[in-house]
Amino acid sequence: HSKDDKRPGWWDTCIGPGKVIDTNRFFVVSLNNLGGCHGSTG
């Protein structure tokens, strides 16, 4: 989210260019579910 972040997103090991879920080939959507506490209504 910023250049100061110490850690990437929770599944960064698998999502990215050339990774398991290759973002050079896929359009990836990740959301916070309803009832959550990271921005979605809860």
Full PDB file with SEQRES, HELIX, SHEET, SSBOND, CRYST1, ORIGX, SCALE, CONECT and MASTER records, all heavy atoms in Angstrom:
SEQRES   1 A   42  HIS SER LYS ASP ASP LYS ARG PRO GLY TRP TRP ASP THR          
SEQRES   2 A   42  CYS ILE GLY PRO GLY LYS VAL ILE ASP THR ASN ARG PHE          
SEQRES   3 A   42  PHE VAL VAL SER LEU ASN ASN LEU GLY GLY CYS HIS GLY          
SEQRES   4 A   42  SER THR GLY                                                  
SHEET    1 AA1 2 ILE A  15  GLY A  16  0                                        
SHEET    2 AA1 2 ILE A  21  ASP A  22  1                                        
CRYST1    1.000    1.000    1.000  90.00  90.00  90.00 P 1           1          
ORIGX1      1.000000  0.000000  0.000000        0.00000                         
ORIGX2      0.000000  1.000000  0.000000        0.00000                         
ORIGX3      0.000000  0.000000  1.000000        0.00000                         
SCALE1      1.000000  0.000000  0.000000        0.00000                         
SCALE2      0.000000  1.000000  0.000000        0.00000                         
SCALE3      0.000000  0.000000  1.000000        0.00000                         
ATOM      1  N   HIS A   1       0.823  -1.211   0.000  1.00  0.00           N  
ATOM      2  CA  HIS A   1       0.000   0.000   0.000  1.00  0.00           C  
ATOM      3  C   HIS A   1       0.856   1.260   0.000  1.00  0.00           C  
ATOM      4  O   HIS A   1       0.416   2.324  -0.428  1.00  0.00           O  
ATOM      5  CB  HIS A   1      -0.936   0.017   1.206  1.00  0.00           C  
ATOM      6  CG  HIS A   1      -2.119  -0.885   1.044  1.00  0.00           C  
ATOM      7  ND1 HIS A   1      -2.852  -1.358   2.110  1.00  0.00           N  
ATOM      8  CD2 HIS A   1      -2.701  -1.410  -0.064  1.00  0.00           C  
ATOM      9  CE1 HIS A   1      -3.837  -2.132   1.661  1.00  0.00           C  
ATOM     10  NE2 HIS A   1      -3.759  -2.171   0.349  1.00  0.00           N  
ATOM     11  N   SER A   2       2.070   1.153   0.525  1.00  0.00           N  
ATOM     12  CA  SER A   2       2.989   2.291   0.510  1.00  0.00           C  
ATOM     13  C   SER A   2       4.421   1.781   0.451  1.00  0.00           C  
ATOM     14  O   SER A   2       4.688   0.601   0.713  1.00  0.00           O  
ATOM     15  CB  SER A   2       2.792   3.168   1.754  1.00  0.00           C  
ATOM     16  OG  SER A   2       3.452   2.606   2.877  1.00  0.00           O  
ATOM     17  N   LYS A   3       5.315   2.683   0.111  1.00  0.00           N  
ATOM     18  CA  LYS A   3       6.730   2.311   0.019  1.00  0.00           C  
ATOM     19  C   LYS A   3       7.314   1.975   1.384  1.00  0.00           C  
ATOM     20  O   LYS A   3       8.389   1.388   1.475  1.00  0.00           O  
ATOM     21  CB  LYS A   3       7.519   3.456  -0.627  1.00  0.00           C  
ATOM     22  CG  LYS A   3       7.091   3.758  -2.050  1.00  0.00           C  
ATOM     23  CD  LYS A   3       7.815   4.970  -2.601  1.00  0.00           C  
ATOM     24  CE  LYS A   3       7.315   5.305  -4.005  1.00  0.00           C  
ATOM     25  NZ  LYS A   3       7.987   6.501  -4.564  1.00  0.00           N  
ATOM     26  N   ASP A   4       6.599   2.357   2.447  1.00  0.00           N  
ATOM     27  CA  ASP A   4       7.088   2.110   3.804  1.00  0.00           C  
ATOM     28  C   ASP A   4       6.593   0.789   4.385  1.00  0.00           C  
ATOM     29  O   ASP A   4       7.012   0.409   5.484  1.00  0.00           O  
ATOM     30  CB  ASP A   4       6.660   3.254   4.732  1.00  0.00           C  
ATOM     31  CG  ASP A   4       7.241   4.593   4.302  1.00  0.00           C  
ATOM     32  OD1 ASP A   4       8.390   4.609   3.824  1.00  0.00           O  
ATOM     33  OD2 ASP A   4       6.532   5.615   4.425  1.00  0.00           O  
ATOM     34  N   ASP A   5       5.685   0.121   3.674  1.00  0.00           N  
ATOM     35  CA  ASP A   5       5.156  -1.154   4.185  1.00  0.00           C  
ATOM     36  C   ASP A   5       6.277  -2.157   4.387  1.00  0.00           C  
ATOM     37  O   ASP A   5       7.137  -2.341   3.507  1.00  0.00           O  
ATOM     38  CB  ASP A   5       4.130  -1.740   3.211  1.00  0.00           C  
ATOM     39  CG  ASP A   5       2.784  -1.054   3.292  1.00  0.00           C  
ATOM     40  OD1 ASP A   5       2.645  -0.128   4.116  1.00  0.00           O  
ATOM     41  OD2 ASP A   5       1.879  -1.435   2.527  1.00  0.00           O  
ATOM     42  N   LYS A   6       6.248  -2.821   5.520  1.00  0.00           N  
ATOM     43  CA  LYS A   6       7.272  -3.833   5.815  1.00  0.00           C  
ATOM     44  C   LYS A   6       6.925  -5.173   5.167  1.00  0.00           C  
ATOM     45  O   LYS A   6       7.824  -5.943   4.813  1.00  0.00           O  
ATOM     46  CB  LYS A   6       7.407  -4.018   7.327  1.00  0.00           C  
ATOM     47  CG  LYS A   6       7.868  -2.767   8.070  1.00  0.00           C  
ATOM     48  CD  LYS A   6       9.302  -2.413   7.721  1.00  0.00           C  
ATOM     49  CE  LYS A   6       9.835  -1.314   8.633  1.00  0.00           C  
ATOM     50  NZ  LYS A   6       9.215  -0.002   8.377  1.00  0.00           N  
ATOM     51  N   ARG A   7       5.626  -5.428   5.022  1.00  0.00           N  
ATOM     52  CA  ARG A   7       5.197  -6.719   4.480  1.00  0.00           C  
ATOM     53  C   ARG A   7       4.207  -6.509   3.343  1.00  0.00           C  
ATOM     54  O   ARG A   7       3.416  -5.560   3.367  1.00  0.00           O  
ATOM     55  CB  ARG A   7       4.541  -7.571   5.566  1.00  0.00           C  
ATOM     56  CG  ARG A   7       5.503  -8.050   6.635  1.00  0.00           C  
ATOM     57  CD  ARG A   7       4.783  -8.963   7.626  1.00  0.00           C  
ATOM     58  NE  ARG A   7       5.682  -9.502   8.630  1.00  0.00           N  
ATOM     59  CZ  ARG A   7       5.302 -10.324   9.586  1.00  0.00           C  
ATOM     60  NH1 ARG A   7       4.025 -10.689   9.681  1.00  0.00           N  
ATOM     61  NH2 ARG A   7       6.182 -10.785  10.464  1.00  0.00           N  
ATOM     62  N   PRO A   8       4.209  -7.411   2.367  1.00  0.00           N  
ATOM     63  CA  PRO A   8       3.233  -7.319   1.281  1.00  0.00           C  
ATOM     64  C   PRO A   8       1.906  -7.946   1.695  1.00  0.00           C  
ATOM     65  O   PRO A   8       1.737  -8.363   2.849  1.00  0.00           O  
ATOM     66  CB  PRO A   8       3.898  -8.128   0.162  1.00  0.00           C  
ATOM     67  CG  PRO A   8       4.656  -9.199   0.901  1.00  0.00           C  
ATOM     68  CD  PRO A   8       5.150  -8.528   2.164  1.00  0.00           C  
ATOM     69  N   GLY A   9       0.964  -8.031   0.755  1.00  0.00           N  
ATOM     70  CA  GLY A   9      -0.321  -8.658   0.999  1.00  0.00           C  
ATOM     71  C   GLY A   9      -0.172 -10.115   1.419  1.00  0.00           C  
ATOM     72  O   GLY A   9       0.869 -10.749   1.224  1.00  0.00           O  
ATOM     73  N   TRP A  10      -1.239 -10.656   2.003  1.00  0.00           N  
ATOM     74  CA  TRP A  10      -1.175 -11.965   2.671  1.00  0.00           C  
ATOM     75  C   TRP A  10      -0.884 -13.144   1.742  1.00  0.00           C  
ATOM     76  O   TRP A  10      -0.435 -14.199   2.192  1.00  0.00           O  
ATOM     77  CB  TRP A  10      -2.455 -12.220   3.460  1.00  0.00           C  
ATOM     78  CG  TRP A  10      -3.732 -12.187   2.669  1.00  0.00           C  
ATOM     79  CD1 TRP A  10      -4.536 -11.106   2.469  1.00  0.00           C  
ATOM     80  CD2 TRP A  10      -4.346 -13.274   1.971  1.00  0.00           C  
ATOM     81  NE1 TRP A  10      -5.618 -11.454   1.690  1.00  0.00           N  
ATOM     82  CE2 TRP A  10      -5.529 -12.783   1.370  1.00  0.00           C  
ATOM     83  CE3 TRP A  10      -4.030 -14.618   1.793  1.00  0.00           C  
ATOM     84  CZ2 TRP A  10      -6.377 -13.582   0.604  1.00  0.00           C  
ATOM     85  CZ3 TRP A  10      -4.877 -15.419   1.030  1.00  0.00           C  
ATOM     86  CH2 TRP A  10      -6.036 -14.902   0.448  1.00  0.00           C  
ATOM     87  N   TRP A  11      -1.120 -13.003   0.411  1.00  0.00           N  
ATOM     88  CA  TRP A  11      -0.829 -14.112  -0.505  1.00  0.00           C  
ATOM     89  C   TRP A  11       0.139 -13.669  -1.599  1.00  0.00           C  
ATOM     90  O   TRP A  11       0.079 -14.146  -2.721  1.00  0.00           O  
ATOM     91  CB  TRP A  11      -2.110 -14.674  -1.108  1.00  0.00           C  
ATOM     92  CG  TRP A  11      -2.100 -16.173  -1.217  1.00  0.00           C  
ATOM     93  CD1 TRP A  11      -1.178 -17.032  -0.703  1.00  0.00           C  
ATOM     94  CD2 TRP A  11      -3.066 -16.997  -1.880  1.00  0.00           C  
ATOM     95  NE1 TRP A  11      -1.503 -18.344  -0.980  1.00  0.00           N  
ATOM     96  CE2 TRP A  11      -2.676 -18.337  -1.708  1.00  0.00           C  
ATOM     97  CE3 TRP A  11      -4.229 -16.722  -2.588  1.00  0.00           C  
ATOM     98  CZ2 TRP A  11      -3.402 -19.410  -2.235  1.00  0.00           C  
ATOM     99  CZ3 TRP A  11      -4.956 -17.794  -3.099  1.00  0.00           C  
ATOM    100  CH2 TRP A  11      -4.545 -19.118  -2.925  1.00  0.00           C  
ATOM    101  N   ASP A  12       1.029 -12.781  -1.249  1.00  0.00           N  
ATOM    102  CA  ASP A  12       1.995 -12.265  -2.216  1.00  0.00           C  
ATOM    103  C   ASP A  12       2.905 -13.364  -2.758  1.00  0.00           C  
ATOM    104  O   ASP A  12       3.458 -13.236  -3.845  1.00  0.00           O  
ATOM    105  CB  ASP A  12       2.838 -11.167  -1.563  1.00  0.00           C  
ATOM    106  CG  ASP A  12       3.589 -10.318  -2.574  1.00  0.00           C  
ATOM    107  OD1 ASP A  12       2.955  -9.457  -3.213  1.00  0.00           O  
ATOM    108  OD2 ASP A  12       4.797 -10.536  -2.733  1.00  0.00           O  
ATOM    109  N   THR A  13       3.060 -14.443  -1.998  1.00  0.00           N  
ATOM    110  CA  THR A  13       3.884 -15.562  -2.470  1.00  0.00           C  
ATOM    111  C   THR A  13       3.310 -16.182  -3.745  1.00  0.00           C  
ATOM    112  O   THR A  13       4.045 -16.758  -4.547  1.00  0.00           O  
ATOM    113  CB  THR A  13       3.984 -16.675  -1.405  1.00  0.00           C  
ATOM    114  OG1 THR A  13       2.664 -17.069  -1.005  1.00  0.00           O  
ATOM    115  CG2 THR A  13       4.766 -16.214  -0.200  1.00  0.00           C  
ATOM    116  N   CYS A  14       1.994 -16.047  -3.941  1.00  0.00           N  
ATOM    117  CA  CYS A  14       1.345 -16.712  -5.070  1.00  0.00           C  
ATOM    118  C   CYS A  14       0.792 -15.764  -6.133  1.00  0.00           C  
ATOM    119  O   CYS A  14       0.432 -16.217  -7.220  1.00  0.00           O  
ATOM    120  CB  CYS A  14       0.193 -17.597  -4.565  1.00  0.00           C  
ATOM    121  SG  CYS A  14       0.742 -19.115  -3.744  1.00  0.00           S  
ATOM    122  N   ILE A  15       0.713 -14.467  -5.842  1.00  0.00           N  
ATOM    123  CA  ILE A  15       0.093 -13.526  -6.781  1.00  0.00           C  
ATOM    124  C   ILE A  15       1.112 -12.502  -7.252  1.00  0.00           C  
ATOM    125  O   ILE A  15       1.720 -11.791  -6.439  1.00  0.00           O  
ATOM    126  CB  ILE A  15      -1.099 -12.796  -6.127  1.00  0.00           C  
ATOM    127  CG1 ILE A  15      -2.163 -13.788  -5.651  1.00  0.00           C  
ATOM    128  CG2 ILE A  15      -1.711 -11.781  -7.096  1.00  0.00           C  
ATOM    129  CD1 ILE A  15      -3.266 -13.152  -4.814  1.00  0.00           C  
ATOM    130  N   GLY A  16       1.304 -12.410  -8.556  1.00  0.00           N  
ATOM    131  CA  GLY A  16       2.227 -11.421  -9.100  1.00  0.00           C  
ATOM    132  C   GLY A  16       2.738 -11.842 -10.465  1.00  0.00           C  
ATOM    133  O   GLY A  16       2.466 -12.960 -10.926  1.00  0.00           O  
ATOM    134  N   PRO A  17       3.484 -10.986 -11.138  1.00  0.00           N  
ATOM    135  CA  PRO A  17       4.033 -11.322 -12.459  1.00  0.00           C  
ATOM    136  C   PRO A  17       4.916 -12.569 -12.399  1.00  0.00           C  
ATOM    137  O   PRO A  17       5.879 -12.625 -11.630  1.00  0.00           O  
ATOM    138  CB  PRO A  17       4.861 -10.080 -12.824  1.00  0.00           C  
ATOM    139  CG  PRO A  17       4.283  -8.977 -12.000  1.00  0.00           C  
ATOM    140  CD  PRO A  17       3.845  -9.614 -10.720  1.00  0.00           C  
ATOM    141  N   GLY A  18       4.560 -13.572 -13.188  1.00  0.00           N  
ATOM    142  CA  GLY A  18       5.346 -14.796 -13.247  1.00  0.00           C  
ATOM    143  C   GLY A  18       5.139 -15.746 -12.090  1.00  0.00           C  
ATOM    144  O   GLY A  18       5.734 -16.820 -12.041  1.00  0.00           O  
ATOM    145  N   LYS A  19       4.263 -15.382 -11.139  1.00  0.00           N  
ATOM    146  CA  LYS A  19       4.011 -16.253  -9.988  1.00  0.00           C  
ATOM    147  C   LYS A  19       2.891 -17.241 -10.315  1.00  0.00           C  
ATOM    148  O   LYS A  19       2.401 -17.306 -11.430  1.00  0.00           O  
ATOM    149  CB  LYS A  19       3.666 -15.414  -8.755  1.00  0.00           C  
ATOM    150  CG  LYS A  19       4.851 -14.588  -8.239  1.00  0.00           C  
ATOM    151  CD  LYS A  19       4.487 -13.808  -6.986  1.00  0.00           C  
ATOM    152  CE  LYS A  19       5.656 -12.984  -6.492  1.00  0.00           C  
ATOM    153  NZ  LYS A  19       5.292 -12.161  -5.310  1.00  0.00           N  
ATOM    154  N   VAL A  20       2.489 -18.008  -9.317  1.00  0.00           N  
ATOM    155  CA  VAL A  20       1.453 -19.035  -9.496  1.00  0.00           C  
ATOM    156  C   VAL A  20       0.205 -18.450 -10.165  1.00  0.00           C  
ATOM    157  O   VAL A  20      -0.298 -18.983 -11.161  1.00  0.00           O  
ATOM    158  CB  VAL A  20       1.089 -19.663  -8.131  1.00  0.00           C  
ATOM    159  CG1 VAL A  20      -0.148 -20.545  -8.263  1.00  0.00           C  
ATOM    160  CG2 VAL A  20       2.266 -20.481  -7.587  1.00  0.00           C  
ATOM    161  N   ILE A  21      -0.291 -17.367  -9.604  1.00  0.00           N  
ATOM    162  CA  ILE A  21      -1.419 -16.642 -10.204  1.00  0.00           C  
ATOM    163  C   ILE A  21      -0.803 -15.437 -10.899  1.00  0.00           C  
ATOM    164  O   ILE A  21      -0.569 -14.390 -10.297  1.00  0.00           O  
ATOM    165  CB  ILE A  21      -2.452 -16.240  -9.130  1.00  0.00           C  
ATOM    166  CG1 ILE A  21      -2.926 -17.485  -8.360  1.00  0.00           C  
ATOM    167  CG2 ILE A  21      -3.654 -15.532  -9.755  1.00  0.00           C  
ATOM    168  CD1 ILE A  21      -3.710 -17.184  -7.102  1.00  0.00           C  
ATOM    169  N   ASP A  22      -0.476 -15.639 -12.164  1.00  0.00           N  
ATOM    170  CA  ASP A  22       0.367 -14.722 -12.933  1.00  0.00           C  
ATOM    171  C   ASP A  22      -0.426 -13.491 -13.374  1.00  0.00           C  
ATOM    172  O   ASP A  22      -1.312 -13.580 -14.224  1.00  0.00           O  
ATOM    173  CB  ASP A  22       0.927 -15.473 -14.146  1.00  0.00           C  
ATOM    174  CG  ASP A  22       1.990 -14.687 -14.888  1.00  0.00           C  
ATOM    175  OD1 ASP A  22       2.133 -13.476 -14.636  1.00  0.00           O  
ATOM    176  OD2 ASP A  22       2.682 -15.288 -15.734  1.00  0.00           O  
ATOM    177  N   THR A  23      -0.076 -12.341 -12.816  1.00  0.00           N  
ATOM    178  CA  THR A  23      -0.812 -11.118 -13.143  1.00  0.00           C  
ATOM    179  C   THR A  23      -0.437 -10.558 -14.517  1.00  0.00           C  
ATOM    180  O   THR A  23      -1.032  -9.564 -14.955  1.00  0.00           O  
ATOM    181  CB  THR A  23      -0.584 -10.041 -12.063  1.00  0.00           C  
ATOM    182  OG1 THR A  23       0.826  -9.886 -11.826  1.00  0.00           O  
ATOM    183  CG2 THR A  23      -1.267 -10.455 -10.764  1.00  0.00           C  
ATOM    184  N   ASN A  24       0.525 -11.181 -15.197  1.00  0.00           N  
ATOM    185  CA  ASN A  24       0.754 -10.850 -16.611  1.00  0.00           C  
ATOM    186  C   ASN A  24      -0.306 -11.499 -17.501  1.00  0.00           C  
ATOM    187  O   ASN A  24      -0.490 -11.093 -18.654  1.00  0.00           O  
ATOM    188  CB  ASN A  24       2.136 -11.327 -17.063  1.00  0.00           C  
ATOM    189  CG  ASN A  24       3.261 -10.497 -16.467  1.00  0.00           C  
ATOM    190  OD1 ASN A  24       3.084  -9.309 -16.188  1.00  0.00           O  
ATOM    191  ND2 ASN A  24       4.429 -11.103 -16.261  1.00  0.00           N  
ATOM    192  N   ARG A  25      -0.999 -12.490 -16.928  1.00  0.00           N  
ATOM    193  CA  ARG A  25      -1.980 -13.246 -17.711  1.00  0.00           C  
ATOM    194  C   ARG A  25      -3.389 -13.147 -17.141  1.00  0.00           C  
ATOM    195  O   ARG A  25      -4.367 -13.303 -17.866  1.00  0.00           O  
ATOM    196  CB  ARG A  25      -1.555 -14.718 -17.785  1.00  0.00           C  
ATOM    197  CG  ARG A  25      -0.127 -14.910 -18.274  1.00  0.00           C  
ATOM    198  CD  ARG A  25       0.278 -16.362 -18.304  1.00  0.00           C  
ATOM    199  NE  ARG A  25      -0.280 -17.071 -19.455  1.00  0.00           N  
ATOM    200  CZ  ARG A  25      -0.115 -18.377 -19.675  1.00  0.00           C  
ATOM    201  NH1 ARG A  25       0.569 -19.116 -18.805  1.00  0.00           N  
ATOM    202  NH2 ARG A  25      -0.643 -18.941 -20.735  1.00  0.00           N  
ATOM    203  N   PHE A  26      -3.486 -12.913 -15.846  1.00  0.00           N  
ATOM    204  CA  PHE A  26      -4.795 -12.856 -15.191  1.00  0.00           C  
ATOM    205  C   PHE A  26      -5.093 -11.455 -14.652  1.00  0.00           C  
ATOM    206  O   PHE A  26      -4.182 -10.699 -14.297  1.00  0.00           O  
ATOM    207  CB  PHE A  26      -4.864 -13.830 -14.012  1.00  0.00           C  
ATOM    208  CG  PHE A  26      -4.826 -15.285 -14.387  1.00  0.00           C  
ATOM    209  CD1 PHE A  26      -3.760 -16.084 -14.006  1.00  0.00           C  
ATOM    210  CD2 PHE A  26      -5.857 -15.861 -15.107  1.00  0.00           C  
ATOM    211  CE1 PHE A  26      -3.719 -17.428 -14.327  1.00  0.00           C  
ATOM    212  CE2 PHE A  26      -5.832 -17.203 -15.441  1.00  0.00           C  
ATOM    213  CZ  PHE A  26      -4.761 -17.993 -15.052  1.00  0.00           C  
ATOM    214  N   PHE A  27      -6.386 -11.152 -14.565  1.00  0.00           N  
ATOM    215  CA  PHE A  27      -6.875  -9.982 -13.851  1.00  0.00           C  
ATOM    216  C   PHE A  27      -7.422 -10.502 -12.516  1.00  0.00           C  
ATOM    217  O   PHE A  27      -8.420 -11.227 -12.488  1.00  0.00           O  
ATOM    218  CB  PHE A  27      -7.983  -9.292 -14.655  1.00  0.00           C  
ATOM    219  CG  PHE A  27      -8.626  -8.130 -13.949  1.00  0.00           C  
ATOM    220  CD1 PHE A  27      -7.934  -6.942 -13.743  1.00  0.00           C  
ATOM    221  CD2 PHE A  27      -9.948  -8.205 -13.506  1.00  0.00           C  
ATOM    222  CE1 PHE A  27      -8.533  -5.858 -13.101  1.00  0.00           C  
ATOM    223  CE2 PHE A  27     -10.562  -7.126 -12.867  1.00  0.00           C  
ATOM    224  CZ  PHE A  27      -9.847  -5.953 -12.670  1.00  0.00           C  
ATOM    225  N   VAL A  28      -6.749 -10.166 -11.440  1.00  0.00           N  
ATOM    226  CA  VAL A  28      -7.049 -10.754 -10.137  1.00  0.00           C  
ATOM    227  C   VAL A  28      -7.855  -9.775  -9.285  1.00  0.00           C  
ATOM    228  O   VAL A  28      -7.492  -8.597  -9.165  1.00  0.00           O  
ATOM    229  CB  VAL A  28      -5.753 -11.153  -9.411  1.00  0.00           C  
ATOM    230  CG1 VAL A  28      -6.063 -11.798  -8.060  1.00  0.00           C  
ATOM    231  CG2 VAL A  28      -4.927 -12.106 -10.275  1.00  0.00           C  
ATOM    232  N   VAL A  29      -8.935 -10.268  -8.706  1.00  0.00           N  
ATOM    233  CA  VAL A  29      -9.796  -9.470  -7.829  1.00  0.00           C  
ATOM    234  C   VAL A  29      -9.776 -10.079  -6.436  1.00  0.00           C  
ATOM    235  O   VAL A  29     -10.002 -11.279  -6.264  1.00  0.00           O  
ATOM    236  CB  VAL A  29     -11.249  -9.428  -8.354  1.00  0.00           C  
ATOM    237  CG1 VAL A  29     -12.130  -8.597  -7.424  1.00  0.00           C  
ATOM    238  CG2 VAL A  29     -11.296  -8.880  -9.776  1.00  0.00           C  
ATOM    239  N   SER A  30      -9.486  -9.254  -5.438  1.00  0.00           N  
ATOM    240  CA  SER A  30      -9.476  -9.712  -4.045  1.00  0.00           C  
ATOM    241  C   SER A  30     -10.261  -8.723  -3.210  1.00  0.00           C  
ATOM    242  O   SER A  30     -10.018  -7.516  -3.275  1.00  0.00           O  
ATOM    243  CB  SER A  30      -8.030  -9.801  -3.537  1.00  0.00           C  
ATOM    244  OG  SER A  30      -7.987 -10.164  -2.170  1.00  0.00           O  
ATOM    245  N   LEU A  31     -11.240  -9.205  -2.449  1.00  0.00           N  
ATOM    246  CA  LEU A  31     -12.096  -8.300  -1.680  1.00  0.00           C  
ATOM    247  C   LEU A  31     -12.105  -8.657  -0.203  1.00  0.00           C  
ATOM    248  O   LEU A  31     -11.712  -9.751   0.198  1.00  0.00           O  
ATOM    249  CB  LEU A  31     -13.527  -8.324  -2.217  1.00  0.00           C  
ATOM    250  CG  LEU A  31     -14.440  -9.483  -1.805  1.00  0.00           C  
ATOM    251  CD1 LEU A  31     -15.899  -9.093  -1.966  1.00  0.00           C  
ATOM    252  CD2 LEU A  31     -14.146 -10.738  -2.616  1.00  0.00           C  
ATOM    253  N   ASN A  32     -12.563  -7.693   0.588  1.00  0.00           N  
ATOM    254  CA  ASN A  32     -12.838  -7.918   2.003  1.00  0.00           C  
ATOM    255  C   ASN A  32     -14.320  -8.260   2.122  1.00  0.00           C  
ATOM    256  O   ASN A  32     -15.180  -7.488   1.698  1.00  0.00           O  
ATOM    257  CB  ASN A  32     -12.509  -6.654   2.798  1.00  0.00           C  
ATOM    258  CG  ASN A  32     -12.725  -6.801   4.299  1.00  0.00           C  
ATOM    259  OD1 ASN A  32     -13.118  -5.854   4.965  1.00  0.00           O  
ATOM    260  ND2 ASN A  32     -12.475  -7.971   4.854  1.00  0.00           N  
ATOM    261  N   ASN A  33     -14.623  -9.419   2.684  1.00  0.00           N  
ATOM    262  CA  ASN A  33     -16.006  -9.883   2.751  1.00  0.00           C  
ATOM    263  C   ASN A  33     -16.882  -8.989   3.634  1.00  0.00           C  
ATOM    264  O   ASN A  33     -16.397  -8.324   4.561  1.00  0.00           O  
ATOM    265  CB  ASN A  33     -16.071 -11.313   3.289  1.00  0.00           C  
ATOM    266  CG  ASN A  33     -15.729 -12.336   2.230  1.00  0.00           C  
ATOM    267  OD1 ASN A  33     -15.859 -12.085   1.039  1.00  0.00           O  
ATOM    268  ND2 ASN A  33     -15.291 -13.512   2.666  1.00  0.00           N  
ATOM    269  N   LEU A  34     -18.172  -9.008   3.343  1.00  0.00           N  
ATOM    270  CA  LEU A  34     -19.145  -8.342   4.211  1.00  0.00           C  
ATOM    271  C   LEU A  34     -19.005  -8.871   5.643  1.00  0.00           C  
ATOM    272  O   LEU A  34     -18.789 -10.070   5.856  1.00  0.00           O  
ATOM    273  CB  LEU A  34     -20.564  -8.615   3.717  1.00  0.00           C  
ATOM    274  CG  LEU A  34     -21.081  -7.743   2.579  1.00  0.00           C  
ATOM    275  CD1 LEU A  34     -22.463  -8.229   2.159  1.00  0.00           C  
ATOM    276  CD2 LEU A  34     -21.140  -6.287   2.989  1.00  0.00           C  
ATOM    277  N   GLY A  35     -19.138  -7.971   6.596  1.00  0.00           N  
ATOM    278  CA  GLY A  35     -18.952  -8.360   7.989  1.00  0.00           C  
ATOM    279  C   GLY A  35     -17.515  -8.220   8.425  1.00  0.00           C  
ATOM    280  O   GLY A  35     -17.190  -8.414   9.599  1.00  0.00           O  
ATOM    281  N   GLY A  36     -16.633  -7.890   7.470  1.00  0.00           N  
ATOM    282  CA  GLY A  36     -15.216  -7.746   7.766  1.00  0.00           C  
ATOM    283  C   GLY A  36     -14.912  -6.450   8.494  1.00  0.00           C  
ATOM    284  O   GLY A  36     -15.799  -5.642   8.798  1.00  0.00           O  
ATOM    285  N   CYS A  37     -13.629  -6.236   8.753  1.00  0.00           N  
ATOM    286  CA  CYS A  37     -13.233  -5.038   9.514  1.00  0.00           C  
ATOM    287  C   CYS A  37     -12.088  -4.300   8.831  1.00  0.00           C  
ATOM    288  O   CYS A  37     -11.311  -3.604   9.479  1.00  0.00           O  
ATOM    289  CB  CYS A  37     -12.840  -5.430  10.939  1.00  0.00           C  
ATOM    290  SG  CYS A  37     -11.566  -6.717  11.054  1.00  0.00           S  
ATOM    291  N   HIS A  38     -11.984  -4.474   7.506  1.00  0.00           N  
ATOM    292  CA  HIS A  38     -10.929  -3.789   6.768  1.00  0.00           C  
ATOM    293  C   HIS A  38     -11.500  -2.915   5.661  1.00  0.00           C  
ATOM    294  O   HIS A  38     -10.875  -2.729   4.608  1.00  0.00           O  
ATOM    295  CB  HIS A  38      -9.941  -4.811   6.201  1.00  0.00           C  
ATOM    296  CG  HIS A  38      -9.130  -5.501   7.254  1.00  0.00           C  
ATOM    297  ND1 HIS A  38      -9.562  -6.667   7.870  1.00  0.00           N  
ATOM    298  CD2 HIS A  38      -7.951  -5.183   7.829  1.00  0.00           C  
ATOM    299  CE1 HIS A  38      -8.656  -7.038   8.769  1.00  0.00           C  
ATOM    300  NE2 HIS A  38      -7.668  -6.162   8.756  1.00  0.00           N  
ATOM    301  N   GLY A  39     -12.677  -2.372   5.881  1.00  0.00           N  
ATOM    302  CA  GLY A  39     -13.237  -1.421   4.931  1.00  0.00           C  
ATOM    303  C   GLY A  39     -14.607  -1.773   4.397  1.00  0.00           C  
ATOM    304  O   GLY A  39     -15.423  -0.884   4.118  1.00  0.00           O  
ATOM    305  N   SER A  40     -14.884  -3.067   4.203  1.00  0.00           N  
ATOM    306  CA  SER A  40     -16.225  -3.463   3.781  1.00  0.00           C  
ATOM    307  C   SER A  40     -17.189  -3.291   4.961  1.00  0.00           C  
ATOM    308  O   SER A  40     -16.782  -3.290   6.128  1.00  0.00           O  
ATOM    309  CB  SER A  40     -16.238  -4.918   3.297  1.00  0.00           C  
ATOM    310  OG  SER A  40     -15.515  -5.050   2.085  1.00  0.00           O  
ATOM    311  N   THR A  41     -18.466  -3.156   4.642  1.00  0.00           N  
ATOM    312  CA  THR A  41     -19.463  -2.935   5.691  1.00  0.00           C  
ATOM    313  C   THR A  41     -19.474  -4.102   6.677  1.00  0.00           C  
ATOM    314  O   THR A  41     -19.541  -5.269   6.291  1.00  0.00           O  
ATOM    315  CB  THR A  41     -20.859  -2.762   5.068  1.00  0.00           C  
ATOM    316  OG1 THR A  41     -20.823  -1.632   4.191  1.00  0.00           O  
ATOM    317  CG2 THR A  41     -21.914  -2.532   6.135  1.00  0.00           C  
ATOM    318  N   GLY A  42     -19.382  -3.768   7.950  1.00  0.00           N  
ATOM    319  CA  GLY A  42     -19.341  -4.778   8.996  1.00  0.00           C  
ATOM    320  C   GLY A  42     -19.797  -4.202  10.320  1.00  0.00           C  
ATOM    321  O   GLY A  42     -20.323  -3.070  10.381  1.00  0.00           O  
TER     322      GLY A  42                                                      
MASTER        0    0    0    0    2    0    0    6  321    1    0    4          
END                                                                             
